[in-house]
Amino acid sequence: MKRLLIVLLLLSIAGLQDPGFADGGPPCVTRAGNNCGGVTADQARGDFHGLIMVPGQDGVLDLAMHSGSKPGCGDCNWTLVLACWHTDPHDLNSQLPCNGPGQSPKCGKGQTLYDLFLSTDTEGAHIVTQLCLGGPQDVVDVSDLAATDVDRYLKDVVPPLMHIGTQPPRDALAGVPTYFQVSSPDPAPQQFGGAPVTETITIKAATYSWNWGDGTSPLKTTDPGAPYPDGTVTHTYVHAAHVSGTLTTEWTATYTVTAGGRTLGPFNATGTVTRTQPFTLTVDRARSHLVSHG
């Protein structure tokens, strides 16, 4: 809030006040159906993280792509501060106003000169460039918008049911291992979001949790299973019975981000989605048969 008051004071002095600030700050970047929920960047304060861009200034995205010590600028924290000579990099949230940035010859009409600071896991806050902007709302937090879209997609998506196969193919035999295997068509990648940032999201089955339906301990594995003799996902039912079990499949996601005409990634999503489905199985008692060899 203090940063916002400083911006308001400077723009008022310079006679360049932007109507977007008149009601208490610029609007957040709206995503369809999201009403800005989940966006954690604070544009009014000029705080951003990860990949950032400024439409029309390609160098900002280039800078972000080559910054930080984690993929996708994952440890980048950006702070916009009015380009005043007395800026203290150790206390970026408590700066005094000055007249120069709103009257800088480097900037066009209606623009203000800002210092862009970067801090990472390995470096303290330091200035990396100067930007002429109409205000902090000109900066697009690419990583934040993408993560918000992916999170919302994972909350809404319903993965397909898995096809469960067993061997023996019909009835299991008590005392004999039953081999389980699952398969599913890979869902097609889905495009999400909207200008200026779009994502292509791909989900993939990652883990399988088997509840066998006979009161024994469940199994969680990354192995989809296979038929005899190669399969490793097996369960031995002790007694003949009709059992009702469940399979819970956990899906993970990767996504690419398209911004400024460039596609970045793939990145791993932080969220997962699960779907549980029932299965039934008849377990027969194994019988021995006398076979004549004539």
Protein backbone atom coordinates (compact mmCIF):
# COMPACT_ATOMS: atom_id res chain seq x y z
CA MET A 1 0.00 0.00 0.00
CA LYS A 2 2.87 2.36 0.80
CA ARG A 3 4.38 1.68 -2.65
CA LEU A 4 1.00 2.43 -4.27
CA LEU A 5 0.69 5.77 -2.41
CA ILE A 6 4.14 6.75 -3.63
CA VAL A 7 3.16 5.95 -7.24
CA LEU A 8 -0.05 7.97 -6.90
CA LEU A 9 1.82 10.95 -5.46
CA LEU A 10 4.43 10.95 -8.21
CA LEU A 11 1.92 10.65 -11.04
CA SER A 12 -0.18 13.41 -9.56
CA ILE A 13 2.84 15.72 -9.35
CA ALA A 14 3.79 14.98 -12.93
CA GLY A 15 0.23 15.55 -14.17
CA LEU A 16 0.18 12.06 -15.64
CA GLN A 17 -2.22 10.27 -13.32
CA ASP A 18 -3.60 7.13 -14.92
CA PRO A 19 -7.38 6.68 -14.40
CA GLY A 20 -6.70 2.99 -13.73
CA PHE A 21 -5.19 3.96 -10.38
CA ALA A 22 -7.95 6.31 -9.33
CA ASP A 23 -10.07 3.65 -7.62
CA GLY A 24 -7.27 2.26 -5.46
CA GLY A 25 -5.03 0.36 -7.88
CA PRO A 26 -4.90 -1.29 -11.29
CA PRO A 27 -7.12 -4.32 -11.91
CA CYS A 28 -5.52 -7.73 -11.73
CA VAL A 29 -5.01 -9.72 -14.91
CA THR A 30 -8.36 -11.48 -15.37
CA ARG A 31 -8.42 -15.08 -16.53
CA ALA A 32 -11.63 -16.46 -18.02
CA GLY A 33 -13.92 -17.73 -15.30
CA ASN A 34 -11.32 -17.10 -12.60
CA ASN A 35 -12.04 -13.53 -11.45
CA CYS A 36 -8.33 -13.21 -10.68
CA GLY A 37 -8.53 -15.92 -8.02
CA GLY A 38 -5.24 -17.71 -7.45
CA VAL A 39 -3.03 -14.98 -8.93
CA THR A 40 -0.49 -14.29 -6.20
CA ALA A 41 1.58 -11.61 -7.91
CA ASP A 42 0.95 -8.18 -6.38
CA GLN A 43 0.85 -5.79 -9.33
CA ALA A 44 -0.08 -2.76 -7.25
CA ARG A 45 3.10 -3.22 -5.21
CA GLY A 46 5.16 -4.11 -8.27
CA ASP A 47 6.06 -7.58 -6.95
CA PHE A 48 6.29 -10.55 -9.33
CA HIS A 49 8.00 -13.91 -9.53
CA GLY A 50 9.14 -16.44 -12.13
CA LEU A 51 8.89 -15.60 -15.81
CA ILE A 52 7.64 -12.09 -16.56
CA MET A 53 7.03 -10.11 -19.75
CA VAL A 54 5.97 -6.67 -20.92
CA PRO A 55 3.98 -6.72 -24.18
CA GLY A 56 5.97 -4.87 -26.81
CA GLN A 57 9.26 -5.17 -24.88
CA ASP A 58 10.67 -8.58 -25.84
CA GLY A 59 13.84 -8.04 -23.84
CA VAL A 60 12.01 -8.50 -20.55
CA LEU A 61 10.98 -12.08 -21.33
CA ASP A 62 14.47 -12.78 -22.69
CA LEU A 63 15.94 -11.49 -19.44
CA ALA A 64 13.63 -13.67 -17.34
CA MET A 65 14.33 -16.77 -19.44
CA HIS A 66 18.04 -16.49 -18.64
CA SER A 67 17.73 -15.54 -14.97
CA GLY A 68 17.56 -17.51 -11.75
CA SER A 69 19.11 -20.81 -10.75
CA LYS A 70 15.98 -22.96 -11.29
CA PRO A 71 14.25 -23.91 -14.56
CA GLY A 72 11.72 -21.37 -15.76
CA CYS A 73 13.20 -18.69 -13.48
CA GLY A 74 11.65 -20.66 -10.63
CA ASP A 75 13.48 -18.78 -7.87
CA CYS A 76 13.18 -15.31 -9.44
CA ASN A 77 11.55 -12.55 -7.39
CA TRP A 78 11.09 -9.26 -9.21
CA THR A 79 10.37 -5.85 -7.71
CA LEU A 80 9.53 -2.67 -9.61
CA VAL A 81 10.66 0.51 -7.87
CA LEU A 82 10.46 4.10 -9.10
CA ALA A 83 13.88 5.00 -10.51
CA CYS A 84 14.95 7.36 -7.75
CA TRP A 85 18.64 7.88 -7.00
CA HIS A 86 18.18 7.10 -3.29
CA THR A 87 16.54 3.66 -3.80
CA ASP A 88 17.68 1.22 -1.09
CA PRO A 89 17.94 -2.35 -2.50
CA HIS A 90 17.82 -3.71 1.06
CA ASP A 91 14.41 -2.15 1.75
CA LEU A 92 12.54 -2.03 -1.57
CA ASN A 93 9.13 -1.79 0.10
CA SER A 94 9.89 1.48 1.89
CA GLN A 95 11.01 4.05 -0.68
CA LEU A 96 10.59 7.83 -0.67
CA PRO A 97 9.01 9.52 -3.73
CA CYS A 98 10.93 11.66 -6.19
CA ASN A 99 9.99 13.71 -9.26
CA GLY A 100 12.48 12.37 -11.80
CA PRO A 101 10.91 9.08 -12.93
CA GLY A 102 7.71 10.72 -14.17
CA GLN A 103 9.68 13.24 -16.23
CA SER A 104 12.44 10.98 -17.56
CA PRO A 105 13.54 11.81 -21.14
CA LYS A 106 14.01 8.06 -21.66
CA CYS A 107 10.26 7.47 -21.53
CA GLY A 108 7.33 8.43 -23.68
CA LYS A 109 4.25 10.40 -22.74
CA GLY A 110 2.29 8.81 -19.93
CA GLN A 111 5.20 6.57 -18.93
CA THR A 112 7.28 6.43 -15.78
CA LEU A 113 10.84 5.14 -15.38
CA TYR A 114 11.20 2.14 -13.08
CA ASP A 115 14.16 0.18 -11.78
CA LEU A 116 13.61 -3.59 -12.03
CA PHE A 117 15.23 -5.50 -9.17
CA LEU A 118 15.80 -9.25 -9.09
CA SER A 119 16.54 -11.52 -6.15
CA THR A 120 17.02 -15.30 -6.28
CA ASP A 121 17.94 -18.15 -3.95
CA THR A 122 21.59 -17.39 -4.59
CA GLU A 123 21.62 -13.59 -5.01
CA GLY A 124 20.25 -10.69 -3.04
CA ALA A 125 18.19 -7.91 -4.60
CA HIS A 126 20.05 -6.11 -7.36
CA ILE A 127 18.96 -3.91 -10.26
CA VAL A 128 18.97 -5.64 -13.65
CA THR A 129 17.40 -3.08 -15.98
CA GLN A 130 15.22 0.00 -16.23
CA LEU A 131 11.74 0.01 -17.80
CA CYS A 132 9.45 2.73 -19.10
CA LEU A 133 5.92 1.74 -18.10
CA GLY A 134 2.46 3.18 -17.73
CA GLY A 135 2.49 1.46 -14.34
CA PRO A 136 3.14 -1.92 -12.70
CA GLN A 137 0.05 -3.29 -14.46
CA ASP A 138 2.07 -3.34 -17.71
CA VAL A 139 4.10 -6.28 -16.37
CA VAL A 140 2.60 -9.72 -16.99
CA ASP A 141 3.56 -12.40 -14.47
CA VAL A 142 3.76 -15.29 -16.93
CA SER A 143 4.60 -17.99 -14.36
CA ASP A 144 1.87 -16.90 -11.98
CA LEU A 145 -0.85 -16.82 -14.62
CA ALA A 146 0.25 -20.19 -16.02
CA ALA A 147 0.31 -21.82 -12.58
CA THR A 148 -3.15 -20.41 -11.83
CA ASP A 149 -4.55 -21.77 -15.09
CA VAL A 150 -3.00 -25.20 -14.57
CA ASP A 151 -4.27 -25.36 -11.00
CA ARG A 152 -7.80 -24.51 -12.13
CA TYR A 153 -7.62 -27.03 -14.97
CA LEU A 154 -6.59 -29.81 -12.60
CA LYS A 155 -9.50 -28.96 -10.30
CA ASP A 156 -11.98 -29.26 -13.16
CA VAL A 157 -10.61 -32.08 -15.31
CA VAL A 158 -12.06 -35.59 -14.99
CA PRO A 159 -9.51 -38.24 -16.07
CA PRO A 160 -10.77 -41.26 -18.00
CA LEU A 161 -11.51 -44.53 -16.28
CA MET A 162 -8.78 -47.12 -16.53
CA HIS A 163 -9.38 -50.48 -18.18
CA ILE A 164 -8.60 -53.16 -15.60
CA GLY A 165 -7.46 -56.56 -16.82
CA THR A 166 -6.67 -59.69 -14.83
CA GLN A 167 -5.04 -63.02 -15.48
CA PRO A 168 -6.70 -65.49 -15.24
CA PRO A 169 -8.97 -63.39 -17.48
CA ARG A 170 -12.27 -64.28 -15.80
CA ASP A 171 -12.20 -65.76 -12.32
CA ALA A 172 -9.30 -65.67 -9.91
CA LEU A 173 -8.20 -68.81 -8.07
CA ALA A 174 -7.78 -68.89 -4.31
CA GLY A 175 -4.16 -69.50 -3.34
CA VAL A 176 -2.85 -68.65 -6.81
CA PRO A 177 -1.47 -65.16 -7.69
CA THR A 178 -3.77 -63.06 -9.85
CA TYR A 179 -2.01 -60.70 -12.24
CA PHE A 180 -3.47 -57.18 -12.57
CA GLN A 181 -2.84 -54.66 -15.32
CA VAL A 182 -4.37 -51.33 -16.30
CA SER A 183 -4.45 -49.35 -19.51
CA SER A 184 -6.02 -46.15 -20.77
CA PRO A 185 -5.75 -43.99 -23.87
CA ASP A 186 -3.57 -40.97 -23.15
CA PRO A 187 -5.80 -37.88 -23.02
CA ALA A 188 -5.01 -35.34 -25.73
CA PRO A 189 -3.15 -32.17 -24.64
CA GLN A 190 -5.53 -29.34 -23.78
CA GLN A 191 -5.05 -25.64 -24.40
CA PHE A 192 -5.99 -23.36 -21.55
CA GLY A 193 -5.85 -19.69 -20.59
CA GLY A 194 -5.99 -16.72 -22.92
CA ALA A 195 -3.94 -13.84 -24.25
CA PRO A 196 -1.25 -12.88 -23.52
CA VAL A 197 -0.40 -16.24 -21.88
CA THR A 198 -1.71 -19.65 -22.96
CA GLU A 199 -0.82 -23.11 -21.72
CA THR A 200 -0.90 -26.56 -23.27
CA ILE A 201 -1.55 -29.07 -20.50
CA THR A 202 -0.97 -32.82 -20.69
CA ILE A 203 -2.04 -35.24 -17.97
CA LYS A 204 -0.57 -38.70 -17.47
CA ALA A 205 -1.35 -41.56 -15.11
CA ALA A 206 1.42 -41.71 -12.52
CA THR A 207 0.50 -43.99 -9.60
CA TYR A 208 -2.02 -46.74 -8.96
CA SER A 209 -3.43 -47.58 -5.54
CA TRP A 210 -5.10 -51.00 -5.29
CA ASN A 211 -7.56 -51.89 -2.56
CA TRP A 212 -7.98 -55.61 -3.10
CA GLY A 213 -11.37 -55.93 -1.40
CA ASP A 214 -10.41 -58.73 0.98
CA GLY A 215 -9.21 -56.70 3.95
CA THR A 216 -5.52 -57.07 3.19
CA SER A 217 -3.11 -54.15 2.94
CA PRO A 218 -3.50 -52.00 -0.18
CA LEU A 219 -0.75 -51.56 -2.76
CA LYS A 220 0.47 -48.26 -4.23
CA THR A 221 2.72 -48.52 -7.26
CA THR A 222 3.88 -46.69 -10.36
CA ASP A 223 3.72 -49.95 -12.33
CA PRO A 224 0.59 -50.35 -14.51
CA GLY A 225 1.14 -54.11 -14.43
CA ALA A 226 1.45 -56.72 -17.15
CA PRO A 227 0.27 -60.29 -17.90
CA TYR A 228 2.05 -63.43 -16.69
CA PRO A 229 5.00 -63.99 -16.63
CA ASP A 230 6.21 -60.38 -16.87
CA GLY A 231 3.75 -58.72 -14.52
CA THR A 232 4.78 -57.58 -11.05
CA VAL A 233 1.38 -56.34 -9.82
CA THR A 234 -0.13 -59.47 -8.30
CA HIS A 235 -2.39 -60.39 -5.41
CA THR A 236 -3.17 -63.77 -3.92
CA TYR A 237 -6.68 -64.23 -2.54
CA VAL A 238 -6.78 -66.82 0.24
CA HIS A 239 -10.47 -67.70 0.21
CA ALA A 240 -13.08 -68.22 -2.49
CA ALA A 241 -15.42 -65.23 -2.52
CA HIS A 242 -16.94 -62.42 -4.53
CA VAL A 243 -14.73 -59.42 -3.79
CA SER A 244 -15.29 -55.71 -4.47
CA GLY A 245 -12.13 -53.63 -4.62
CA THR A 246 -11.11 -50.19 -5.86
CA LEU A 247 -8.39 -48.72 -8.02
CA THR A 248 -7.37 -45.10 -7.40
CA THR A 249 -5.28 -43.59 -10.18
CA GLU A 250 -3.29 -40.42 -9.56
CA TRP A 251 -2.61 -38.25 -12.60
CA THR A 252 0.17 -35.71 -12.88
CA ALA A 253 0.48 -32.90 -15.41
CA THR A 254 3.11 -31.16 -17.48
CA TYR A 255 2.54 -27.98 -19.41
CA THR A 256 4.13 -25.61 -21.87
CA VAL A 257 3.61 -21.86 -21.80
CA THR A 258 3.23 -19.67 -24.88
CA ALA A 259 3.89 -15.98 -24.30
CA GLY A 260 5.19 -13.28 -26.57
CA GLY A 261 5.15 -15.70 -29.49
CA ARG A 262 7.46 -18.15 -27.70
CA THR A 263 6.72 -21.56 -26.26
CA LEU A 264 8.53 -22.40 -23.04
CA GLY A 265 8.74 -25.65 -21.08
CA PRO A 266 7.60 -28.27 -20.48
CA PHE A 267 7.17 -27.61 -16.76
CA ASN A 268 5.89 -29.96 -14.06
CA ALA A 269 2.60 -28.95 -12.47
CA THR A 270 2.53 -28.88 -8.68
CA GLY A 271 -0.97 -30.33 -8.41
CA THR A 272 -2.38 -33.77 -9.15
CA VAL A 273 -5.82 -35.20 -9.78
CA THR A 274 -7.15 -38.60 -8.73
CA ARG A 275 -10.02 -40.82 -9.80
CA THR A 276 -11.27 -43.90 -7.97
CA GLN A 277 -13.15 -46.70 -9.68
CA PRO A 278 -14.55 -49.99 -8.36
CA PHE A 279 -13.88 -53.47 -9.64
CA THR A 280 -15.41 -56.84 -8.79
CA LEU A 281 -13.83 -60.24 -9.00
CA THR A 282 -14.99 -63.79 -8.39
CA VAL A 283 -12.44 -65.92 -6.57
CA ASP A 284 -12.96 -69.66 -7.08
CA ARG A 285 -11.57 -72.48 -5.03
CA ALA A 286 -8.71 -74.17 -6.83
CA ARG A 287 -9.53 -77.83 -7.60
CA SER A 288 -7.25 -80.67 -8.56
CA HIS A 289 -8.21 -82.99 -11.38
CA LEU A 290 -7.12 -86.56 -12.03
CA VAL A 291 -5.75 -86.75 -15.53
CA SER A 292 -5.31 -90.06 -17.26
CA HIS A 293 -2.34 -90.50 -19.52
CA GLY A 294 -3.79 -93.67 -21.04
